[in-house]
């Protein structure tokens, strides 16, 4: 049987260990904090019906989801339009928070972090896609993934989340 000083010492060690775990997950480069302080910077490549850049303002299934995601958190969105190569370079340099348009399981970018897959209902049925995210930004990734998970059934049904 353990004596009371031993139990007390064990309890103190456990409390100290748990206290050191606060503040996780964290972003190495502060992406989530910067999105709130400045703006949510999103890179877009033309890829209808997910990202449609043919009009004055970006549109599409992924663009609509990003707008709702930002609005629910009080984030202002800044769009950056371009090709995948430049957008991924900006993402890896932490100048963007997310890149949308044309990312599926065959995407060649190995250095980025990938969101949970989202299954979007389109005229062709269910199409699985994902967002490119900056690597090591765990709090930011968790925020995106939690919302994608929460919206999964509605996206697959073709309902706006």
C-alpha atoms as a PDB file:
ATOM      1  CA  UNK A   1       0.000   0.000   0.000  1.00  0.00           C
ATOM      2  CA  UNK A   2       1.262   3.470  -0.912  1.00  0.00           C
ATOM      3  CA  UNK A   3       1.866   5.891   1.875  1.00  0.00           C
ATOM      4  CA  UNK A   4       0.359   9.311   1.796  1.00  0.00           C
ATOM      5  CA  UNK A   5       3.664  11.203   1.048  1.00  0.00           C
ATOM      6  CA  UNK A   6       4.218   8.915  -1.968  1.00  0.00           C
ATOM      7  CA  UNK A   7       0.712   9.526  -3.258  1.00  0.00           C
ATOM      8  CA  UNK A   8       1.127  13.255  -2.719  1.00  0.00           C
ATOM      9  CA  UNK A   9       4.463  13.303  -4.576  1.00  0.00           C
ATOM     10  CA  UNK A  10       2.961  11.303  -7.450  1.00  0.00           C
ATOM     11  CA  UNK A  11      -0.023  13.656  -7.636  1.00  0.00           C
ATOM     12  CA  UNK A  12       2.298  16.688  -7.719  1.00  0.00           C
ATOM     13  CA  UNK A  13       4.352  15.167 -10.553  1.00  0.00           C
ATOM     14  CA  UNK A  14       1.203  14.439 -12.541  1.00  0.00           C
ATOM     15  CA  UNK A  15      -0.126  17.961 -11.982  1.00  0.00           C
ATOM     16  CA  UNK A  16       3.164  19.508 -13.128  1.00  0.00           C
ATOM     17  CA  UNK A  17       3.300  17.300 -16.209  1.00  0.00           C
ATOM     18  CA  UNK A  18      -0.257  18.217 -17.164  1.00  0.00           C
ATOM     19  CA  UNK A  19       0.365  21.917 -16.564  1.00  0.00           C
ATOM     20  CA  UNK A  20       3.182  21.786 -19.120  1.00  0.00           C
ATOM     21  CA  UNK A  21       0.758  20.565 -21.787  1.00  0.00           C
ATOM     22  CA  UNK A  22      -1.259  23.779 -21.945  1.00  0.00           C
ATOM     23  CA  UNK A  23      -1.585  25.771 -25.128  1.00  0.00           C
ATOM     24  CA  UNK A  24      -1.559  22.893 -27.589  1.00  0.00           C
ATOM     25  CA  UNK A  25      -1.937  22.563 -30.453  1.00  0.00           C
ATOM     26  CA  UNK A  26       0.340  25.417 -31.484  1.00  0.00           C
ATOM     27  CA  UNK A  27       1.303  27.032 -34.754  1.00  0.00           C
ATOM     28  CA  UNK A  28       5.045  27.294 -35.373  1.00  0.00           C
ATOM     29  CA  UNK A  29       4.498  30.436 -37.486  1.00  0.00           C
ATOM     30  CA  UNK A  30       1.333  31.774 -35.823  1.00  0.00           C
ATOM     31  CA  UNK A  31      -1.075  31.212 -38.732  1.00  0.00           C
ATOM     32  CA  UNK A  32      -4.263  31.110 -36.662  1.00  0.00           C
ATOM     33  CA  UNK A  33      -3.269  34.227 -34.715  1.00  0.00           C
ATOM     34  CA  UNK A  34      -2.337  36.076 -37.926  1.00  0.00           C
ATOM     35  CA  UNK A  35      -5.651  35.135 -39.545  1.00  0.00           C
ATOM     36  CA  UNK A  36      -7.476  36.811 -36.661  1.00  0.00           C
ATOM     37  CA  UNK A  37      -5.166  39.820 -36.365  1.00  0.00           C
ATOM     38  CA  UNK A  38      -4.816  40.594 -40.059  1.00  0.00           C
ATOM     39  CA  UNK A  39      -6.773  38.516 -42.582  1.00  0.00           C
ATOM     40  CA  UNK A  40      -7.327  34.984 -43.782  1.00  0.00           C
ATOM     41  CA  UNK A  41      -5.168  34.832 -46.916  1.00  0.00           C
ATOM     42  CA  UNK A  42      -6.433  32.264 -49.407  1.00  0.00           C
ATOM     43  CA  UNK A  43      -4.795  31.219 -52.653  1.00  0.00           C
ATOM     44  CA  UNK A  44      -7.148  30.249 -55.497  1.00  0.00           C
ATOM     45  CA  UNK A  45      -6.638  28.459 -58.798  1.00  0.00           C
ATOM     46  CA  UNK A  46      -9.465  28.331 -61.349  1.00  0.00           C
ATOM     47  CA  UNK A  47     -11.080  24.888 -61.082  1.00  0.00           C
ATOM     48  CA  UNK A  48     -14.897  24.959 -61.542  1.00  0.00           C
ATOM     49  CA  UNK A  49     -17.216  24.052 -59.886  1.00  0.00           C
ATOM     50  CA  UNK A  50     -14.971  24.278 -56.816  1.00  0.00           C
ATOM     51  CA  UNK A  51     -13.208  27.546 -57.624  1.00  0.00           C
ATOM     52  CA  UNK A  52     -14.607  29.733 -60.395  1.00  0.00           C
ATOM     53  CA  UNK A  53     -12.604  32.835 -61.201  1.00  0.00           C
ATOM     54  CA  UNK A  54     -14.477  33.821 -64.380  1.00  0.00           C
ATOM     55  CA  UNK A  55     -16.513  36.616 -62.722  1.00  0.00           C
ATOM     56  CA  UNK A  56     -15.510  39.706 -60.743  1.00  0.00           C
ATOM     57  CA  UNK A  57     -15.570  37.856 -57.419  1.00  0.00           C
ATOM     58  CA  UNK A  58     -14.395  34.299 -56.726  1.00  0.00           C
ATOM     59  CA  UNK A  59     -17.198  31.726 -56.576  1.00  0.00           C
ATOM     60  CA  UNK A  60     -17.616  27.969 -56.316  1.00  0.00           C
ATOM     61  CA  UNK A  61     -18.177  25.214 -53.787  1.00  0.00           C
ATOM     62  CA  UNK A  62     -14.833  25.572 -52.019  1.00  0.00           C
ATOM     63  CA  UNK A  63     -14.932  29.375 -52.144  1.00  0.00           C
ATOM     64  CA  UNK A  64     -18.395  29.375 -50.551  1.00  0.00           C
ATOM     65  CA  UNK A  65     -17.185  27.040 -47.801  1.00  0.00           C
ATOM     66  CA  UNK A  66     -14.157  29.278 -47.122  1.00  0.00           C
ATOM     67  CA  UNK A  67     -16.386  32.369 -46.917  1.00  0.00           C
ATOM     68  CA  UNK A  68     -18.704  30.675 -44.397  1.00  0.00           C
ATOM     69  CA  UNK A  69     -15.744  29.360 -42.417  1.00  0.00           C
ATOM     70  CA  UNK A  70     -14.255  32.884 -42.209  1.00  0.00           C
ATOM     71  CA  UNK A  71     -17.577  34.588 -41.489  1.00  0.00           C
ATOM     72  CA  UNK A  72     -18.331  32.225 -38.593  1.00  0.00           C
ATOM     73  CA  UNK A  73     -15.025  33.248 -37.014  1.00  0.00           C
ATOM     74  CA  UNK A  74     -15.137  36.937 -37.829  1.00  0.00           C
ATOM     75  CA  UNK A  75     -12.201  36.682 -40.228  1.00  0.00           C
ATOM     76  CA  UNK A  76     -11.669  39.006 -43.159  1.00  0.00           C
ATOM     77  CA  UNK A  77     -10.658  37.118 -46.340  1.00  0.00           C
ATOM     78  CA  UNK A  78      -8.005  38.223 -48.828  1.00  0.00           C
ATOM     79  CA  UNK A  79      -7.927  36.247 -52.082  1.00  0.00           C
ATOM     80  CA  UNK A  80      -4.716  35.609 -54.039  1.00  0.00           C
ATOM     81  CA  UNK A  81      -5.257  34.245 -57.541  1.00  0.00           C
ATOM     82  CA  UNK A  82      -2.577  32.347 -59.418  1.00  0.00           C
ATOM     83  CA  UNK A  83      -1.124  29.057 -60.552  1.00  0.00           C
ATOM     84  CA  UNK A  84      -0.438  26.179 -58.205  1.00  0.00           C
ATOM     85  CA  UNK A  85       3.348  26.580 -58.248  1.00  0.00           C
ATOM     86  CA  UNK A  86       3.344  30.212 -57.079  1.00  0.00           C
ATOM     87  CA  UNK A  87       0.502  29.694 -54.594  1.00  0.00           C
ATOM     88  CA  UNK A  88       2.183  26.695 -52.990  1.00  0.00           C
ATOM     89  CA  UNK A  89       5.451  28.634 -52.725  1.00  0.00           C
ATOM     90  CA  UNK A  90       3.546  31.432 -50.943  1.00  0.00           C
ATOM     91  CA  UNK A  91       1.878  28.842 -48.695  1.00  0.00           C
ATOM     92  CA  UNK A  92       5.239  27.280 -47.779  1.00  0.00           C
ATOM     93  CA  UNK A  93       6.578  30.781 -47.013  1.00  0.00           C
ATOM     94  CA  UNK A  94       3.560  31.316 -44.693  1.00  0.00           C
ATOM     95  CA  UNK A  95       2.202  34.183 -46.806  1.00  0.00           C
ATOM     96  CA  UNK A  96      -1.040  32.209 -47.346  1.00  0.00           C
ATOM     97  CA  UNK A  97      -3.194  30.282 -44.888  1.00  0.00           C
ATOM     98  CA  UNK A  98      -4.850  27.968 -47.377  1.00  0.00           C
ATOM     99  CA  UNK A  99      -4.795  27.113 -51.090  1.00  0.00           C
ATOM    100  CA  UNK A 100      -7.953  25.885 -52.843  1.00  0.00           C
ATOM    101  CA  UNK A 101      -8.615  24.656 -56.348  1.00  0.00           C
ATOM    102  CA  UNK A 102      -7.483  21.419 -57.904  1.00  0.00           C
ATOM    103  CA  UNK A 103      -6.237  19.413 -54.940  1.00  0.00           C
ATOM    104  CA  UNK A 104      -7.090  15.739 -54.721  1.00  0.00           C
ATOM    105  CA  UNK A 105      -5.205  12.633 -53.596  1.00  0.00           C
ATOM    106  CA  UNK A 106      -2.923  12.856 -56.645  1.00  0.00           C
ATOM    107  CA  UNK A 107      -1.680  16.392 -55.951  1.00  0.00           C
ATOM    108  CA  UNK A 108       2.115  16.474 -56.300  1.00  0.00           C
ATOM    109  CA  UNK A 109       2.882  18.860 -53.440  1.00  0.00           C
ATOM    110  CA  UNK A 110       4.672  16.885 -50.749  1.00  0.00           C
ATOM    111  CA  UNK A 111       5.841  19.692 -48.460  1.00  0.00           C
ATOM    112  CA  UNK A 112       2.413  21.093 -47.650  1.00  0.00           C
ATOM    113  CA  UNK A 113       0.040  19.894 -44.996  1.00  0.00           C
ATOM    114  CA  UNK A 114      -3.303  18.585 -46.254  1.00  0.00           C
ATOM    115  CA  UNK A 115      -6.714  19.176 -44.736  1.00  0.00           C
ATOM    116  CA  UNK A 116      -9.069  16.330 -44.089  1.00  0.00           C
ATOM    117  CA  UNK A 117     -10.627  15.224 -47.363  1.00  0.00           C
ATOM    118  CA  UNK A 118     -14.009  16.747 -48.099  1.00  0.00           C
ATOM    119  CA  UNK A 119     -16.500  14.948 -50.326  1.00  0.00           C
ATOM    120  CA  UNK A 120     -18.395  17.482 -52.403  1.00  0.00           C
ATOM    121  CA  UNK A 121     -21.653  16.663 -54.203  1.00  0.00           C
ATOM    122  CA  UNK A 122     -21.379  17.755 -57.840  1.00  0.00           C
ATOM    123  CA  UNK A 123     -23.151  16.865 -61.075  1.00  0.00           C
ATOM    124  CA  UNK A 124     -20.613  14.037 -61.404  1.00  0.00           C
ATOM    125  CA  UNK A 125     -21.453  12.598 -57.977  1.00  0.00           C
ATOM    126  CA  UNK A 126     -19.200  12.767 -54.928  1.00  0.00           C
ATOM    127  CA  UNK A 127     -15.767  14.248 -55.556  1.00  0.00           C
ATOM    128  CA  UNK A 128     -13.107  14.099 -52.847  1.00  0.00           C
ATOM    129  CA  UNK A 129     -10.942  17.185 -52.454  1.00  0.00           C
ATOM    130  CA  UNK A 130      -8.689  18.759 -49.874  1.00  0.00           C
ATOM    131  CA  UNK A 131      -7.133  22.102 -49.071  1.00  0.00           C
ATOM    132  CA  UNK A 132      -3.386  22.729 -48.987  1.00  0.00           C
ATOM    133  CA  UNK A 133      -2.311  24.188 -45.641  1.00  0.00           C
ATOM    134  CA  UNK A 134       1.059  25.437 -44.375  1.00  0.00           C
ATOM    135  CA  UNK A 135       3.125  22.734 -42.652  1.00  0.00           C
ATOM    136  CA  UNK A 136       3.543  22.763 -38.870  1.00  0.00           C
ATOM    137  CA  UNK A 137       0.565  25.036 -38.249  1.00  0.00           C
ATOM    138  CA  UNK A 138      -1.262  22.604 -35.989  1.00  0.00           C
ATOM    139  CA  UNK A 139      -3.789  24.957 -34.370  1.00  0.00           C
ATOM    140  CA  UNK A 140      -4.735  26.328 -37.794  1.00  0.00           C
ATOM    141  CA  UNK A 141      -5.003  22.828 -39.285  1.00  0.00           C
ATOM    142  CA  UNK A 142      -7.195  21.705 -36.397  1.00  0.00           C
ATOM    143  CA  UNK A 143      -9.570  24.657 -36.916  1.00  0.00           C
ATOM    144  CA  UNK A 144      -9.964  23.842 -40.625  1.00  0.00           C
ATOM    145  CA  UNK A 145     -10.256  20.086 -40.097  1.00  0.00           C
ATOM    146  CA  UNK A 146     -12.819  20.401 -37.307  1.00  0.00           C
ATOM    147  CA  UNK A 147     -15.062  22.499 -39.541  1.00  0.00           C
ATOM    148  CA  UNK A 148     -14.648  20.160 -42.522  1.00  0.00           C
ATOM    149  CA  UNK A 149     -15.532  17.245 -40.264  1.00  0.00           C
ATOM    150  CA  UNK A 150     -18.586  19.083 -38.892  1.00  0.00           C
ATOM    151  CA  UNK A 151     -19.737  19.934 -42.438  1.00  0.00           C
ATOM    152  CA  UNK A 152     -18.987  16.530 -44.002  1.00  0.00           C
ATOM    153  CA  UNK A 153     -22.555  15.226 -44.215  1.00  0.00           C
ATOM    154  CA  UNK A 154     -23.914  18.495 -45.611  1.00  0.00           C
ATOM    155  CA  UNK A 155     -21.163  18.781 -48.228  1.00  0.00           C
ATOM    156  CA  UNK A 156     -21.738  15.195 -49.371  1.00  0.00           C
ATOM    157  CA  UNK A 157     -25.481  15.831 -49.580  1.00  0.00           C
ATOM    158  CA  UNK A 158     -24.927  18.967 -51.662  1.00  0.00           C
ATOM    159  CA  UNK A 159     -26.375  21.220 -48.959  1.00  0.00           C
ATOM    160  CA  UNK A 160     -24.687  24.480 -48.102  1.00  0.00           C
ATOM    161  CA  UNK A 161     -23.140  24.181 -44.630  1.00  0.00           C
END
